[in-house]
Amino acid sequence: MTGLAAIKELIPHRYPLLLLDDVLDLAPGRHIVAVKAVTCNEPCFRALPDDTPDEGYGYPSALVVESWCQAALVLAMRERPRAHAAGEVAVLGAATNIDLHSTVRPGEVLRHEVRIGKSLGDSWVFEGQATASGRIVLTVESVLAAVRPSEVLGSP
């Protein structure tokens, strides 16, 4: 499994909130390594004035976490490949000890490493980290995800 088409088959995220570019490694039921290239053309940088110094181009920490969580959801939904077609979606629940260690800037590639710490049928506890330019930028002790029927979530 690799590439955007395969990712889009498993999770409902689309532009501008699809924050994964590729899956480098995936062992169903065990782990995933996925990447997100951060560029100066990200929607979050659109409103910055032209004279913004390089330090002003820090990728928002919420998007670093969201991108990592999307990798976790790809791993979860890979466990249930027909879930999306059956009207099921993976939703995130509780998270503990998510630590951001460093700022990510345009030109860097986020490398998300997600492991399943515990599998409970239709729920999982994920753990892992994200790196950029060889340094750890995010550590995650645990994030809980569960697959639920989309109709119980209601309409937006």
N, C-alpha and C. Protein backbone atom coordinates (compact mmCIF):
# COMPACT_ATOMS: atom_id res chain seq x y z
N MET A 1 0.84 -1.18 0.00
CA MET A 1 0.00 0.00 0.00
C MET A 1 0.88 1.24 0.00
N THR A 2 0.62 2.14 -0.90
CA THR A 2 1.37 3.38 -0.96
C THR A 2 0.58 4.41 -1.75
N GLY A 3 0.89 5.66 -1.55
CA GLY A 3 0.31 6.73 -2.36
C GLY A 3 -1.03 7.25 -1.88
N LEU A 4 -1.40 8.38 -2.47
CA LEU A 4 -2.61 9.08 -2.08
C LEU A 4 -3.88 8.30 -2.37
N ALA A 5 -3.94 7.62 -3.49
CA ALA A 5 -5.16 6.88 -3.83
C ALA A 5 -5.47 5.85 -2.76
N ALA A 6 -4.47 5.13 -2.31
CA ALA A 6 -4.67 4.11 -1.27
C ALA A 6 -5.06 4.76 0.05
N ILE A 7 -4.46 5.91 0.38
CA ILE A 7 -4.80 6.61 1.61
C ILE A 7 -6.26 7.06 1.56
N LYS A 8 -6.68 7.63 0.41
CA LYS A 8 -8.05 8.12 0.26
C LYS A 8 -9.09 7.01 0.30
N GLU A 9 -8.69 5.79 0.00
CA GLU A 9 -9.61 4.67 0.11
C GLU A 9 -9.92 4.34 1.56
N LEU A 10 -9.03 4.71 2.46
CA LEU A 10 -9.17 4.30 3.86
C LEU A 10 -9.67 5.37 4.80
N ILE A 11 -9.36 6.64 4.53
CA ILE A 11 -9.82 7.72 5.42
C ILE A 11 -10.55 8.77 4.60
N PRO A 12 -11.50 9.49 5.22
CA PRO A 12 -12.31 10.44 4.46
C PRO A 12 -11.66 11.81 4.25
N HIS A 13 -10.50 12.06 4.79
CA HIS A 13 -9.87 13.38 4.70
C HIS A 13 -9.54 13.72 3.24
N ARG A 14 -9.75 14.99 2.90
CA ARG A 14 -9.45 15.50 1.57
C ARG A 14 -8.84 16.90 1.71
N TYR A 15 -8.32 17.44 0.60
CA TYR A 15 -7.73 18.77 0.62
C TYR A 15 -8.73 19.75 1.20
N PRO A 16 -8.32 20.64 2.05
CA PRO A 16 -6.96 20.94 2.49
C PRO A 16 -6.55 20.20 3.78
N LEU A 17 -7.38 19.27 4.24
CA LEU A 17 -7.07 18.61 5.50
C LEU A 17 -6.54 17.19 5.36
N LEU A 18 -6.23 16.75 4.17
CA LEU A 18 -5.52 15.49 4.02
C LEU A 18 -4.05 15.81 4.21
N LEU A 19 -3.47 15.35 5.31
CA LEU A 19 -2.13 15.77 5.70
C LEU A 19 -1.12 14.62 5.63
N LEU A 20 -1.34 13.70 4.71
CA LEU A 20 -0.38 12.64 4.42
C LEU A 20 -0.10 12.63 2.93
N ASP A 21 1.14 12.33 2.56
CA ASP A 21 1.49 12.25 1.15
C ASP A 21 1.77 10.83 0.68
N ASP A 22 2.25 9.98 1.58
CA ASP A 22 2.64 8.64 1.17
C ASP A 22 2.77 7.74 2.39
N VAL A 23 2.67 6.46 2.15
CA VAL A 23 2.92 5.44 3.18
C VAL A 23 4.17 4.69 2.75
N LEU A 24 5.20 4.72 3.59
CA LEU A 24 6.47 4.08 3.26
C LEU A 24 6.52 2.62 3.70
N ASP A 25 5.84 2.33 4.81
CA ASP A 25 5.87 0.98 5.35
C ASP A 25 4.57 0.75 6.12
N LEU A 26 3.98 -0.41 5.94
CA LEU A 26 2.76 -0.73 6.66
C LEU A 26 2.73 -2.22 6.94
N ALA A 27 2.61 -2.55 8.20
CA ALA A 27 2.43 -3.94 8.63
C ALA A 27 1.09 -3.98 9.35
N PRO A 28 0.02 -4.42 8.68
CA PRO A 28 -1.30 -4.42 9.30
C PRO A 28 -1.28 -5.08 10.68
N GLY A 29 -1.95 -4.40 11.62
CA GLY A 29 -2.00 -4.90 12.99
C GLY A 29 -0.77 -4.60 13.81
N ARG A 30 0.23 -3.95 13.20
CA ARG A 30 1.48 -3.70 13.92
C ARG A 30 1.92 -2.24 13.87
N HIS A 31 2.27 -1.74 12.66
CA HIS A 31 2.81 -0.39 12.57
C HIS A 31 2.65 0.20 11.16
N ILE A 32 2.88 1.51 11.09
CA ILE A 32 2.87 2.24 9.82
C ILE A 32 3.94 3.33 9.88
N VAL A 33 4.55 3.61 8.74
CA VAL A 33 5.42 4.76 8.58
C VAL A 33 4.85 5.55 7.40
N ALA A 34 4.44 6.78 7.67
CA ALA A 34 3.85 7.64 6.64
C ALA A 34 4.55 8.99 6.66
N VAL A 35 4.47 9.71 5.54
CA VAL A 35 5.16 10.99 5.44
C VAL A 35 4.23 12.11 4.97
N LYS A 36 4.59 13.31 5.37
CA LYS A 36 3.92 14.55 4.96
C LYS A 36 5.00 15.58 4.68
N ALA A 37 5.10 16.02 3.44
CA ALA A 37 6.07 17.06 3.07
C ALA A 37 5.45 18.42 3.38
N VAL A 38 6.13 19.22 4.17
CA VAL A 38 5.66 20.56 4.51
C VAL A 38 6.27 21.53 3.51
N THR A 39 5.43 22.34 2.87
CA THR A 39 5.91 23.31 1.89
C THR A 39 5.48 24.72 2.28
N CYS A 40 6.04 25.70 1.61
CA CYS A 40 5.67 27.09 1.88
C CYS A 40 4.28 27.41 1.32
N ASN A 41 3.70 26.49 0.57
CA ASN A 41 2.37 26.70 -0.02
C ASN A 41 1.23 26.14 0.83
N GLU A 42 1.52 25.75 2.06
CA GLU A 42 0.47 25.22 2.94
C GLU A 42 -0.58 26.31 3.19
N PRO A 43 -1.85 25.93 3.26
CA PRO A 43 -2.90 26.93 3.54
C PRO A 43 -2.65 27.73 4.81
N CYS A 44 -2.01 27.13 5.81
CA CYS A 44 -1.76 27.83 7.08
C CYS A 44 -0.79 28.99 6.93
N PHE A 45 -0.02 29.02 5.85
CA PHE A 45 0.94 30.11 5.63
C PHE A 45 0.39 31.20 4.70
N ARG A 46 -0.78 30.98 4.14
CA ARG A 46 -1.33 31.87 3.12
C ARG A 46 -1.44 33.33 3.57
N ALA A 47 -1.81 33.56 4.82
CA ALA A 47 -2.04 34.93 5.28
C ALA A 47 -0.78 35.64 5.75
N LEU A 48 0.36 34.95 5.74
CA LEU A 48 1.58 35.60 6.20
C LEU A 48 2.05 36.65 5.19
N PRO A 49 2.47 37.82 5.67
CA PRO A 49 2.97 38.84 4.75
C PRO A 49 4.30 38.41 4.13
N ASP A 50 4.65 38.99 2.99
CA ASP A 50 5.87 38.64 2.27
C ASP A 50 7.14 38.85 3.08
N ASP A 51 7.11 39.78 4.03
CA ASP A 51 8.33 40.06 4.80
C ASP A 51 8.44 39.21 6.07
N THR A 52 7.63 38.15 6.17
CA THR A 52 7.71 37.25 7.33
C THR A 52 9.07 36.57 7.35
N PRO A 53 9.78 36.63 8.47
CA PRO A 53 11.08 35.93 8.55
C PRO A 53 10.87 34.42 8.58
N ASP A 54 11.93 33.69 8.28
CA ASP A 54 11.86 32.23 8.26
C ASP A 54 11.26 31.66 9.55
N GLU A 55 11.58 32.27 10.69
CA GLU A 55 11.08 31.79 11.97
C GLU A 55 9.55 31.85 12.04
N GLY A 56 8.93 32.69 11.23
CA GLY A 56 7.48 32.83 11.22
C GLY A 56 6.78 31.72 10.47
N TYR A 57 7.53 30.86 9.82
CA TYR A 57 6.95 29.78 9.04
C TYR A 57 6.96 28.44 9.78
N GLY A 58 6.67 28.47 11.06
CA GLY A 58 6.56 27.22 11.81
C GLY A 58 5.25 26.53 11.50
N TYR A 59 5.32 25.28 11.11
CA TYR A 59 4.11 24.51 10.82
C TYR A 59 3.34 24.36 12.12
N PRO A 60 2.05 24.67 12.14
CA PRO A 60 1.29 24.64 13.39
C PRO A 60 1.35 23.27 14.07
N SER A 61 1.57 23.28 15.37
CA SER A 61 1.69 22.02 16.11
C SER A 61 0.42 21.19 16.01
N ALA A 62 -0.74 21.82 15.95
CA ALA A 62 -1.99 21.07 15.82
C ALA A 62 -2.01 20.26 14.53
N LEU A 63 -1.39 20.80 13.47
CA LEU A 63 -1.36 20.07 12.20
C LEU A 63 -0.34 18.94 12.22
N VAL A 64 0.74 19.11 12.99
CA VAL A 64 1.70 18.00 13.17
C VAL A 64 0.99 16.84 13.84
N VAL A 65 0.24 17.13 14.90
CA VAL A 65 -0.50 16.09 15.62
C VAL A 65 -1.58 15.49 14.71
N GLU A 66 -2.32 16.32 14.01
CA GLU A 66 -3.37 15.83 13.11
C GLU A 66 -2.80 14.91 12.04
N SER A 67 -1.68 15.28 11.47
CA SER A 67 -1.06 14.45 10.44
C SER A 67 -0.66 13.09 11.00
N TRP A 68 -0.07 13.09 12.20
CA TRP A 68 0.29 11.82 12.85
C TRP A 68 -0.95 10.97 13.10
N CYS A 69 -2.01 11.61 13.56
CA CYS A 69 -3.25 10.88 13.83
C CYS A 69 -3.86 10.32 12.55
N GLN A 70 -3.72 11.02 11.44
CA GLN A 70 -4.21 10.48 10.18
C GLN A 70 -3.45 9.21 9.80
N ALA A 71 -2.16 9.18 10.08
CA ALA A 71 -1.39 7.95 9.83
C ALA A 71 -1.93 6.82 10.70
N ALA A 72 -2.26 7.12 11.95
CA ALA A 72 -2.83 6.11 12.84
C ALA A 72 -4.17 5.61 12.29
N LEU A 73 -4.98 6.52 11.76
CA LEU A 73 -6.27 6.11 11.20
C LEU A 73 -6.10 5.23 9.97
N VAL A 74 -5.11 5.53 9.14
CA VAL A 74 -4.84 4.66 7.98
C VAL A 74 -4.52 3.25 8.47
N LEU A 75 -3.70 3.16 9.50
CA LEU A 75 -3.37 1.85 10.06
C LEU A 75 -4.62 1.16 10.61
N ALA A 76 -5.46 1.90 11.32
CA ALA A 76 -6.69 1.32 11.87
C ALA A 76 -7.60 0.83 10.76
N MET A 77 -7.81 1.65 9.76
CA MET A 77 -8.74 1.29 8.69
C MET A 77 -8.18 0.19 7.79
N ARG A 78 -6.88 0.04 7.77
CA ARG A 78 -6.26 -1.06 7.02
C ARG A 78 -6.65 -2.39 7.66
N GLU A 79 -6.93 -2.34 8.96
CA GLU A 79 -7.40 -3.53 9.66
C GLU A 79 -8.81 -3.91 9.21
N ARG A 80 -9.57 -2.92 8.74
CA ARG A 80 -10.97 -3.12 8.34
C ARG A 80 -11.14 -2.55 6.94
N PRO A 81 -10.56 -3.16 5.92
CA PRO A 81 -10.52 -2.56 4.59
C PRO A 81 -11.88 -2.28 3.98
N ARG A 82 -12.91 -2.94 4.41
CA ARG A 82 -14.24 -2.70 3.84
C ARG A 82 -15.07 -1.75 4.70
N ALA A 83 -14.49 -1.25 5.78
CA ALA A 83 -15.25 -0.44 6.73
C ALA A 83 -15.80 0.83 6.09
N HIS A 84 -14.96 1.53 5.31
CA HIS A 84 -15.40 2.79 4.70
C HIS A 84 -16.59 2.54 3.78
N ALA A 85 -16.51 1.49 2.99
CA ALA A 85 -17.60 1.16 2.09
C ALA A 85 -18.86 0.76 2.85
N ALA A 86 -18.68 0.21 4.04
CA ALA A 86 -19.81 -0.21 4.87
C ALA A 86 -20.38 0.94 5.69
N GLY A 87 -19.90 2.15 5.46
CA GLY A 87 -20.42 3.30 6.20
C GLY A 87 -19.84 3.47 7.58
N GLU A 88 -18.64 2.95 7.80
CA GLU A 88 -17.97 3.11 9.08
C GLU A 88 -16.82 4.12 8.94
N VAL A 89 -16.58 4.84 10.01
CA VAL A 89 -15.45 5.77 10.05
C VAL A 89 -14.68 5.57 11.34
N ALA A 90 -13.40 5.83 11.28
CA ALA A 90 -12.58 5.78 12.49
C ALA A 90 -12.57 7.16 13.12
N VAL A 91 -12.78 7.20 14.42
CA VAL A 91 -12.77 8.46 15.15
C VAL A 91 -11.75 8.37 16.28
N LEU A 92 -11.15 9.50 16.57
CA LEU A 92 -10.17 9.55 17.65
C LEU A 92 -10.86 9.91 18.95
N GLY A 93 -10.39 9.28 20.02
CA GLY A 93 -10.93 9.56 21.34
C GLY A 93 -9.89 10.22 22.21
N ALA A 94 -9.55 9.58 23.28
CA ALA A 94 -8.62 10.12 24.25
C ALA A 94 -7.18 10.10 23.74
N ALA A 95 -6.41 11.05 24.23
CA ALA A 95 -4.97 11.12 23.92
C ALA A 95 -4.24 11.47 25.22
N THR A 96 -3.08 10.83 25.42
CA THR A 96 -2.29 11.16 26.60
C THR A 96 -0.85 11.42 26.21
N ASN A 97 -0.26 12.36 26.91
CA ASN A 97 1.16 12.70 26.76
C ASN A 97 1.61 12.85 25.32
N ILE A 98 1.02 13.82 24.66
CA ILE A 98 1.48 14.21 23.33
C ILE A 98 2.42 15.39 23.54
N ASP A 99 3.68 15.19 23.19
CA ASP A 99 4.69 16.22 23.42
C ASP A 99 5.30 16.67 22.10
N LEU A 100 5.34 17.99 21.92
CA LEU A 100 5.99 18.59 20.76
C LEU A 100 7.37 19.06 21.19
N HIS A 101 8.38 18.68 20.43
CA HIS A 101 9.75 18.94 20.83
C HIS A 101 10.46 19.98 19.97
N SER A 102 9.96 20.20 18.76
CA SER A 102 10.70 21.05 17.84
C SER A 102 9.75 21.58 16.77
N THR A 103 10.09 22.72 16.20
CA THR A 103 9.28 23.33 15.15
C THR A 103 9.64 22.73 13.79
N VAL A 104 8.61 22.49 12.98
CA VAL A 104 8.79 21.99 11.62
C VAL A 104 8.62 23.16 10.67
N ARG A 105 9.50 23.26 9.69
CA ARG A 105 9.48 24.39 8.75
C ARG A 105 9.32 23.88 7.31
N PRO A 106 8.91 24.77 6.41
CA PRO A 106 8.81 24.37 5.01
C PRO A 106 10.14 23.78 4.52
N GLY A 107 10.03 22.76 3.69
CA GLY A 107 11.20 22.07 3.17
C GLY A 107 11.50 20.80 3.94
N GLU A 108 10.84 20.61 5.09
CA GLU A 108 11.07 19.41 5.88
C GLU A 108 9.97 18.38 5.60
N VAL A 109 10.31 17.13 5.80
CA VAL A 109 9.35 16.04 5.63
C VAL A 109 9.10 15.43 7.00
N LEU A 110 7.83 15.44 7.39
CA LEU A 110 7.43 14.77 8.62
C LEU A 110 7.36 13.28 8.36
N ARG A 111 8.02 12.52 9.20
CA ARG A 111 7.99 11.05 9.10
C ARG A 111 7.27 10.54 10.35
N HIS A 112 6.07 10.02 10.14
CA HIS A 112 5.24 9.54 11.24
C HIS A 112 5.44 8.04 11.43
N GLU A 113 5.81 7.67 12.64
CA GLU A 113 5.96 6.26 12.99
C GLU A 113 4.91 5.96 14.05
N VAL A 114 3.96 5.09 13.69
CA VAL A 114 2.84 4.77 14.56
C VAL A 114 2.83 3.26 14.80
N ARG A 115 2.68 2.88 16.07
CA ARG A 115 2.58 1.47 16.43
C ARG A 115 1.26 1.23 17.16
N ILE A 116 0.72 0.05 16.97
CA ILE A 116 -0.46 -0.33 17.75
C ILE A 116 0.04 -0.86 19.09
N GLY A 117 -0.32 -0.15 20.16
CA GLY A 117 0.04 -0.60 21.50
C GLY A 117 -0.92 -1.66 22.01
N LYS A 118 -2.19 -1.52 21.61
CA LYS A 118 -3.22 -2.47 22.03
C LYS A 118 -4.32 -2.47 20.98
N SER A 119 -4.81 -3.65 20.64
CA SER A 119 -5.91 -3.80 19.70
C SER A 119 -7.08 -4.44 20.42
N LEU A 120 -8.25 -3.81 20.30
CA LEU A 120 -9.44 -4.27 21.02
C LEU A 120 -10.60 -4.53 20.05
N GLY A 121 -10.32 -5.13 18.92
CA GLY A 121 -11.36 -5.41 17.92
C GLY A 121 -11.65 -4.21 17.05
N ASP A 122 -12.58 -3.36 17.49
CA ASP A 122 -12.90 -2.17 16.70
C ASP A 122 -12.33 -0.89 17.32
N SER A 123 -11.38 -1.07 18.25
CA SER A 123 -10.70 0.06 18.89
C SER A 123 -9.22 -0.26 19.02
N TRP A 124 -8.40 0.80 18.99
CA TRP A 124 -6.96 0.63 19.07
C TRP A 124 -6.35 1.73 19.94
N VAL A 125 -5.25 1.39 20.57
CA VAL A 125 -4.43 2.39 21.27
C VAL A 125 -3.13 2.48 20.48
N PHE A 126 -2.85 3.67 19.99
CA PHE A 126 -1.65 3.91 19.18
C PHE A 126 -0.60 4.65 19.99
N GLU A 127 0.65 4.46 19.61
CA GLU A 127 1.77 5.17 20.22
C GLU A 127 2.82 5.40 19.14
N GLY A 128 3.75 6.33 19.38
CA GLY A 128 4.82 6.52 18.41
C GLY A 128 5.42 7.91 18.46
N GLN A 129 5.94 8.31 17.30
CA GLN A 129 6.64 9.59 17.21
C GLN A 129 6.62 10.10 15.78
N ALA A 130 7.04 11.34 15.63
CA ALA A 130 7.26 11.93 14.32
C ALA A 130 8.64 12.58 14.33
N THR A 131 9.33 12.46 13.21
CA THR A 131 10.64 13.08 13.07
C THR A 131 10.64 13.99 11.84
N ALA A 132 11.58 14.91 11.82
CA ALA A 132 11.81 15.78 10.67
C ALA A 132 13.29 16.12 10.67
N SER A 133 13.93 15.97 9.55
CA SER A 133 15.37 16.25 9.41
C SER A 133 16.19 15.52 10.48
N GLY A 134 15.78 14.29 10.79
CA GLY A 134 16.54 13.46 11.72
C GLY A 134 16.32 13.75 13.20
N ARG A 135 15.45 14.69 13.54
CA ARG A 135 15.21 14.98 14.96
C ARG A 135 13.76 14.64 15.31
N ILE A 136 13.55 14.23 16.53
CA ILE A 136 12.20 13.93 16.99
C ILE A 136 11.47 15.24 17.22
N VAL A 137 10.31 15.39 16.58
CA VAL A 137 9.51 16.61 16.73
C VAL A 137 8.24 16.36 17.52
N LEU A 138 7.84 15.09 17.65
CA LEU A 138 6.60 14.74 18.34
C LEU A 138 6.74 13.36 18.95
N THR A 139 6.30 13.21 20.20
CA THR A 139 6.17 11.89 20.80
C THR A 139 4.73 11.75 21.30
N VAL A 140 4.21 10.54 21.13
CA VAL A 140 2.83 10.26 21.50
C VAL A 140 2.83 9.01 22.38
N GLU A 141 2.37 9.18 23.62
CA GLU A 141 2.27 8.02 24.52
C GLU A 141 1.09 7.16 24.12
N SER A 142 -0.09 7.79 23.89
CA SER A 142 -1.24 7.01 23.45
C SER A 142 -2.32 7.88 22.85
N VAL A 143 -2.93 7.34 21.82
CA VAL A 143 -4.12 7.92 21.20
C VAL A 143 -5.08 6.76 20.95
N LEU A 144 -6.31 6.93 21.37
CA LEU A 144 -7.33 5.91 21.20
C LEU A 144 -8.15 6.21 19.96
N ALA A 145 -8.36 5.21 19.11
CA ALA A 145 -9.24 5.34 17.95
C ALA A 145 -10.23 4.19 17.97
N ALA A 146 -11.42 4.47 17.46
CA ALA A 146 -12.46 3.44 17.40
C ALA A 146 -13.21 3.59 16.08
N VAL A 147 -13.66 2.49 15.52
CA VAL A 147 -14.48 2.51 14.31
C VAL A 147 -15.94 2.49 14.74
N ARG A 148 -16.70 3.42 14.17
CA ARG A 148 -18.11 3.53 14.49
C ARG A 148 -18.91 3.72 13.20
N PRO A 149 -20.18 3.31 13.18
CA PRO A 149 -21.02 3.57 12.02
C PRO A 149 -21.17 5.07 11.80
N SER A 150 -21.04 5.51 10.56
CA SER A 150 -21.08 6.94 10.30
C SER A 150 -22.41 7.57 10.67
N GLU A 151 -23.52 6.83 10.61
CA GLU A 151 -24.81 7.43 10.92
C GLU A 151 -24.93 7.83 12.40
N VAL A 152 -24.20 7.19 13.30
CA VAL A 152 -24.29 7.59 14.71
C VAL A 152 -23.57 8.90 14.97
N LEU A 153 -22.75 9.33 14.04
CA LEU A 153 -22.02 10.59 14.22
C LEU A 153 -22.88 11.79 13.84
N GLY A 154 -23.98 11.57 13.13
CA GLY A 154 -24.85 12.66 12.72
C GLY A 154 -24.26 13.39 11.52
N SER A 155 -25.04 14.31 10.97
CA SER A 155 -24.56 15.08 9.83
C SER A 155 -24.06 16.42 10.30
N PRO A 156 -23.09 16.99 9.56
CA PRO A 156 -22.49 18.27 9.99
C PRO A 156 -23.47 19.42 9.92
